[in-house]
Amino acid sequence: MTKKPFIEEKVKLMRILVVSDSHRNTSVLRKIINSQPEAENVIFLGDNTGDIDEVKTDFPDRKFHIVCGNCDFFSEYPAADLAEIGGKKIFFCHGHTLSVKFSMSPLKSAAKSRECDIALYGHTHVSNILYEDGLYIVNPGSCSQPRDGKPSYAVIDITENGIMPIIIRL
């Protein structure tokens, strides 16, 4: 009996970079984006959309998805948006219009009513990952003014085997 050679299957990886609450710290945004070259999609969850507008010109190979936050007074970006990436539907917002500091229910309802797989929010400056009723809920924390220790951001890997969100501390 001849042995079949071991063939390693390459699982296609779709990496999403999620950042929030930069509050005029463009250098940290550049550092984060540079540290994740395989992340083709960058989702910015608000609070100083001018920061991401300035930085995104340095990364023409990336696709940026942007919403405004409570500190983005004259921003033309929406408060919430949808994206489909790697075959997964994502609802993303800053969170202030859904009162995320008080309850996750409005955020979950907004994402579930749109049949999303992932809900992203910022605003609290506290990183968090939850999985409830088939929905991944991710807050990357603040990349410049954290309220839970070190600055952070999130990476979400989408593969044939599923969704894997992680928080990365700077």
Foldseek 3Di string as FASTA:
>chain_A
DDDDDDDDDDWDKAKEWEAEAAQPPLVLVLVVCVVCVRHQEYEYAEDPVVSVVVNCVVPVSHHYHYAYDPNPVPDPHHQWDWDQTPNFIEIEGQCPVVPVVVDCVSQVVVQVVVVGQEYEYEPPLEWDWDADPNYIYTYQHHQHDHPHDARWIKMWMQTPVGIDIDIDGD
